[in-house]
């Protein structure tokens, strides 16, 4: 499994959440407390928005704790919306194109999760990606395929609905012919203004997701960044944190079941 951080709010240096806290993402990459994998050394990545519509990206296959550039980048890069991710691979190669976050146009995406028997349904999940977006697929992960499928399902118009419809379609695939293959989807999506963080699972228990909000600022994490967890709120399964620019963050139901019923 993976660990990640997503932040939206006042412009700050990435180090405030990625490298500085007691339970920073780098610390979690060495020893995670709420993951099936204790270490997360199969690459890492940063994604951030600054002066351009499209996000900046820095991705590396080395472990986060061994990259001498990471602390310098996090100290000097400042952003109002950024992602950071450390990877524990679940079957796909450790290559730079397979490291999160993924970008397409002005969108960023990262994922902590799993699609059981991915090889069985991979072709059909990739079939959800429109032809005009398929050229953006540069890696081999299920995460990137899901991201592009969500983008093709109408992410620009309806981020939460497009994600729910895509999850419903994939959930249906995992339940074909009496099967119950695991599907875990704890993910963040952003467009430079708004941030959405999802916690969903089918046929399994969802991966952890927490958030902390102050005014219009919000940070969403796989696990808390402090020894004291009292300031963090666990996101319920089948819910999404919606943090739109100029508004206080909200936790809303993630209506995959309704989308599945409409299939």
Protein backbone atom coordinates (compact mmCIF):
# COMPACT_ATOMS: atom_id res chain seq x y z
CA UNK A 1 0.00 0.00 0.00
CA UNK A 2 1.00 3.64 -0.34
CA UNK A 3 1.02 6.74 1.87
CA UNK A 4 0.08 10.20 0.65
CA UNK A 5 -0.66 13.84 1.56
CA UNK A 6 -2.90 16.34 -0.26
CA UNK A 7 -3.07 20.01 0.77
CA UNK A 8 -5.17 22.98 -0.35
CA UNK A 9 -5.14 26.40 1.31
CA UNK A 10 -2.80 29.32 1.88
CA UNK A 11 0.45 29.19 -0.07
CA UNK A 12 3.08 27.40 2.03
CA UNK A 13 6.31 25.47 1.56
CA UNK A 14 5.82 21.76 0.96
CA UNK A 15 8.12 20.96 3.90
CA UNK A 16 5.37 21.92 6.36
CA UNK A 17 3.64 18.60 5.66
CA UNK A 18 6.01 16.45 3.61
CA UNK A 19 9.26 16.50 5.58
CA UNK A 20 8.96 18.53 8.80
CA UNK A 21 6.28 16.86 11.01
CA UNK A 22 7.15 14.14 13.50
CA UNK A 23 5.22 11.60 11.41
CA UNK A 24 6.06 13.23 8.07
CA UNK A 25 5.61 11.41 4.79
CA UNK A 26 9.33 10.62 4.78
CA UNK A 27 9.02 9.14 8.26
CA UNK A 28 6.01 7.10 7.11
CA UNK A 29 7.98 5.80 4.13
CA UNK A 30 10.41 4.22 6.61
CA UNK A 31 7.81 3.04 9.13
CA UNK A 32 4.09 3.40 8.46
CA UNK A 33 1.70 2.74 11.34
CA UNK A 34 -1.58 2.13 9.45
CA UNK A 35 -0.53 0.28 6.34
CA UNK A 36 -0.22 -3.35 5.35
CA UNK A 37 3.34 -2.46 4.28
CA UNK A 38 5.71 -1.15 6.97
CA UNK A 39 8.05 0.51 4.48
CA UNK A 40 7.24 2.36 1.27
CA UNK A 41 10.42 2.45 -0.77
CA UNK A 42 9.21 1.85 -4.32
CA UNK A 43 9.51 5.45 -5.44
CA UNK A 44 7.84 8.72 -4.53
CA UNK A 45 6.49 11.85 -6.14
CA UNK A 46 5.47 15.47 -5.67
CA UNK A 47 2.84 17.39 -7.62
CA UNK A 48 2.10 21.09 -7.11
CA UNK A 49 0.44 24.12 -8.66
CA UNK A 50 2.11 27.52 -8.96
CA UNK A 51 2.15 30.01 -11.85
CA UNK A 52 0.90 27.72 -14.62
CA UNK A 53 -2.43 25.93 -15.16
CA UNK A 54 -0.73 22.54 -15.39
CA UNK A 55 0.92 21.10 -12.27
CA UNK A 56 4.62 20.67 -11.66
CA UNK A 57 5.83 17.10 -11.13
CA UNK A 58 8.87 15.50 -9.53
CA UNK A 59 8.90 11.70 -9.47
CA UNK A 60 11.72 9.35 -8.55
CA UNK A 61 12.15 5.58 -8.28
CA UNK A 62 14.47 5.75 -5.28
CA UNK A 63 13.00 5.63 -1.77
CA UNK A 64 11.99 9.03 -0.39
CA UNK A 65 14.42 8.68 2.51
CA UNK A 66 17.40 8.28 0.16
CA UNK A 67 16.81 11.18 -2.25
CA UNK A 68 19.01 14.08 -1.22
CA UNK A 69 16.98 16.46 -3.41
CA UNK A 70 13.67 15.95 -1.64
CA UNK A 71 14.25 18.09 1.46
CA UNK A 72 15.64 20.95 -0.62
CA UNK A 73 12.70 20.84 -3.02
CA UNK A 74 10.16 20.74 -0.21
CA UNK A 75 11.81 23.67 1.55
CA UNK A 76 11.87 25.91 -1.52
CA UNK A 77 8.73 24.93 -3.48
CA UNK A 78 5.70 26.88 -2.29
CA UNK A 79 2.15 26.12 -3.36
CA UNK A 80 -1.50 26.58 -2.45
CA UNK A 81 -2.31 23.03 -3.60
CA UNK A 82 0.08 20.11 -3.63
CA UNK A 83 0.31 16.30 -3.48
CA UNK A 84 3.03 14.04 -2.11
CA UNK A 85 3.10 10.24 -2.37
CA UNK A 86 5.36 7.35 -1.34
CA UNK A 87 4.79 4.04 -3.09
CA UNK A 88 4.64 0.42 -2.08
CA UNK A 89 4.18 -1.40 -5.39
CA UNK A 90 1.50 -4.08 -5.76
CA UNK A 91 2.64 -5.95 -8.84
CA UNK A 92 3.60 -3.34 -11.44
CA UNK A 93 7.23 -2.36 -12.14
CA UNK A 94 9.12 0.27 -10.16
CA UNK A 95 9.58 2.86 -12.89
CA UNK A 96 9.24 6.63 -12.97
CA UNK A 97 6.05 6.56 -15.12
CA UNK A 98 4.47 4.28 -12.48
CA UNK A 99 5.19 6.67 -9.60
CA UNK A 100 2.39 8.87 -8.32
CA UNK A 101 1.04 11.48 -8.70
CA UNK A 102 -0.18 11.34 -12.28
CA UNK A 103 -0.99 14.45 -14.32
CA UNK A 104 -3.13 15.08 -17.38
CA UNK A 105 -3.89 18.62 -18.46
CA UNK A 106 -4.60 20.63 -15.32
CA UNK A 107 -5.52 17.55 -13.26
CA UNK A 108 -3.48 15.69 -10.64
CA UNK A 109 -4.31 12.25 -9.25
CA UNK A 110 -2.80 9.87 -6.71
CA UNK A 111 -4.06 6.64 -5.22
CA UNK A 112 -3.63 4.24 -2.34
CA UNK A 113 -5.47 1.04 -3.08
CA UNK A 114 -5.75 -2.18 -4.99
CA UNK A 115 -7.81 -3.84 -7.71
CA UNK A 116 -7.95 -7.59 -7.12
CA UNK A 117 -7.17 -9.76 -10.15
CA UNK A 118 -6.16 -6.66 -12.13
CA UNK A 119 -4.90 -8.77 -15.03
CA UNK A 120 -8.41 -10.21 -15.51
CA UNK A 121 -10.10 -6.83 -15.97
CA UNK A 122 -7.22 -4.62 -17.07
CA UNK A 123 -8.22 -4.55 -20.73
CA UNK A 124 -11.79 -3.54 -19.93
CA UNK A 125 -10.74 -0.85 -17.45
CA UNK A 126 -8.41 0.56 -20.08
CA UNK A 127 -11.37 0.39 -22.46
CA UNK A 128 -13.07 3.01 -20.29
CA UNK A 129 -10.36 5.48 -21.37
CA UNK A 130 -11.43 7.51 -24.45
CA UNK A 131 -9.14 7.30 -27.46
CA UNK A 132 -8.19 10.97 -27.16
CA UNK A 133 -6.87 10.38 -23.63
CA UNK A 134 -5.23 7.00 -24.08
CA UNK A 135 -2.03 8.58 -25.38
CA UNK A 136 -1.56 10.10 -21.95
CA UNK A 137 -1.11 6.62 -20.44
CA UNK A 138 2.65 6.34 -20.01
CA UNK A 139 2.85 3.71 -17.25
CA UNK A 140 1.33 0.32 -16.46
CA UNK A 141 -0.43 0.85 -13.11
CA UNK A 142 -4.09 0.31 -12.41
CA UNK A 143 -4.05 3.73 -10.71
CA UNK A 144 -3.16 5.63 -13.89
CA UNK A 145 -5.76 3.70 -15.89
CA UNK A 146 -8.45 4.54 -13.33
CA UNK A 147 -7.44 8.21 -13.39
CA UNK A 148 -7.76 8.48 -17.17
CA UNK A 149 -11.06 6.58 -17.07
CA UNK A 150 -12.39 9.09 -14.52
CA UNK A 151 -11.19 11.94 -16.72
CA UNK A 152 -13.05 10.40 -19.65
CA UNK A 153 -16.20 9.98 -17.55
CA UNK A 154 -16.58 13.75 -17.17
CA UNK A 155 -14.09 14.81 -14.50
CA UNK A 156 -14.01 18.39 -15.80
CA UNK A 157 -17.79 18.77 -15.43
CA UNK A 158 -18.59 16.65 -12.39
CA UNK A 159 -15.56 15.41 -10.40
CA UNK A 160 -17.44 13.48 -7.74
CA UNK A 161 -20.02 12.03 -10.16
CA UNK A 162 -17.39 11.00 -12.72
CA UNK A 163 -15.39 9.24 -10.02
CA UNK A 164 -18.49 7.48 -8.66
CA UNK A 165 -19.52 6.27 -12.13
CA UNK A 166 -16.03 4.91 -12.81
CA UNK A 167 -15.87 3.15 -9.44
CA UNK A 168 -19.32 1.67 -10.08
CA UNK A 169 -18.21 0.28 -13.45
CA UNK A 170 -15.07 -1.28 -11.95
CA UNK A 171 -16.96 -2.59 -8.92
CA UNK A 172 -19.35 -4.37 -11.27
CA UNK A 173 -16.36 -6.02 -12.97
CA UNK A 174 -15.03 -7.30 -9.63
CA UNK A 175 -18.40 -8.94 -8.87
CA UNK A 176 -19.01 -10.75 -12.12
CA UNK A 177 -20.11 -14.40 -12.02
CA UNK A 178 -20.33 -14.48 -8.24
CA UNK A 179 -16.81 -13.17 -7.71
CA UNK A 180 -15.84 -10.78 -4.93
CA UNK A 181 -12.43 -9.43 -5.90
CA UNK A 182 -11.14 -6.70 -3.64
CA UNK A 183 -11.33 -3.08 -4.74
CA UNK A 184 -9.82 -0.39 -2.54
CA UNK A 185 -9.82 3.24 -3.66
CA UNK A 186 -8.46 5.94 -1.38
CA UNK A 187 -7.45 8.71 -3.76
CA UNK A 188 -7.03 12.45 -4.27
CA UNK A 189 -7.85 14.49 -7.36
CA UNK A 190 -7.21 18.20 -7.93
CA UNK A 191 -7.42 20.74 -10.75
CA UNK A 192 -5.37 23.61 -9.34
CA UNK A 193 -8.33 25.17 -7.53
CA UNK A 194 -10.33 22.38 -5.92
CA UNK A 195 -9.33 19.21 -4.07
CA UNK A 196 -11.31 15.98 -3.73
CA UNK A 197 -10.22 13.09 -1.48
CA UNK A 198 -12.13 9.78 -1.67
CA UNK A 199 -12.39 6.75 0.61
CA UNK A 200 -14.15 3.75 -0.95
CA UNK A 201 -13.91 -0.03 -1.02
CA UNK A 202 -15.86 -2.96 -2.39
CA UNK A 203 -15.52 -6.53 -1.18
CA UNK A 204 -12.88 -5.36 1.31
CA UNK A 205 -12.10 -2.84 4.04
CA UNK A 206 -11.19 0.64 2.82
CA UNK A 207 -7.71 2.05 3.33
CA UNK A 208 -7.43 4.78 5.96
CA UNK A 209 -7.98 8.48 5.23
CA UNK A 210 -7.87 11.44 7.64
CA UNK A 211 -8.22 15.18 7.28
CA UNK A 212 -7.59 18.33 9.28
CA UNK A 213 -9.22 21.66 8.41
CA UNK A 214 -8.83 25.24 9.59
CA UNK A 215 -11.02 27.78 7.80
CA UNK A 216 -10.56 27.14 4.09
CA UNK A 217 -7.29 25.22 4.57
CA UNK A 218 -7.38 21.43 4.52
CA UNK A 219 -4.83 18.63 4.53
CA UNK A 220 -5.84 15.03 3.76
CA UNK A 221 -3.52 12.16 4.70
CA UNK A 222 -3.29 8.40 4.70
CA UNK A 223 -2.35 8.58 8.37
CA UNK A 224 -1.86 11.48 10.81
CA UNK A 225 1.36 13.48 10.71
CA UNK A 226 1.58 14.03 14.47
CA UNK A 227 2.01 11.80 17.49
CA UNK A 228 -1.09 13.55 18.91
CA UNK A 229 -4.00 12.47 16.73
CA UNK A 230 -6.67 14.56 18.43
CA UNK A 231 -6.66 17.18 15.65
CA UNK A 232 -7.34 14.65 12.90
CA UNK A 233 -10.73 13.37 11.75
CA UNK A 234 -11.15 9.97 10.12
CA UNK A 235 -13.08 10.07 6.85
CA UNK A 236 -15.83 7.42 6.86
CA UNK A 237 -15.87 4.74 4.20
CA UNK A 238 -17.89 5.71 1.09
CA UNK A 239 -17.31 9.42 1.65
CA UNK A 240 -15.40 12.20 -0.08
CA UNK A 241 -13.73 15.34 1.25
CA UNK A 242 -14.70 18.24 -1.03
CA UNK A 243 -12.45 21.29 -0.68
CA UNK A 244 -13.40 23.89 -3.27
CA UNK A 245 -11.61 27.20 -3.56
CA UNK A 246 -13.20 29.91 -1.43
CA UNK A 247 -15.28 27.45 0.64
CA UNK A 248 -14.84 25.51 3.83
CA UNK A 249 -14.10 21.81 3.24
CA UNK A 250 -17.02 19.40 3.52
CA UNK A 251 -17.31 15.63 3.92
CA UNK A 252 -20.04 14.24 1.69
CA UNK A 253 -21.38 10.75 0.86
CA UNK A 254 -19.70 9.14 -2.13
CA UNK A 255 -22.63 7.64 -4.00
CA UNK A 256 -21.07 4.66 -5.75
CA UNK A 257 -23.96 2.41 -4.70
CA UNK A 258 -26.47 4.63 -6.50
CA UNK A 259 -24.29 4.75 -9.60
CA UNK A 260 -23.92 0.97 -9.45
CA UNK A 261 -27.70 0.54 -9.23
CA UNK A 262 -28.05 2.69 -12.34
CA UNK A 263 -25.64 0.54 -14.34
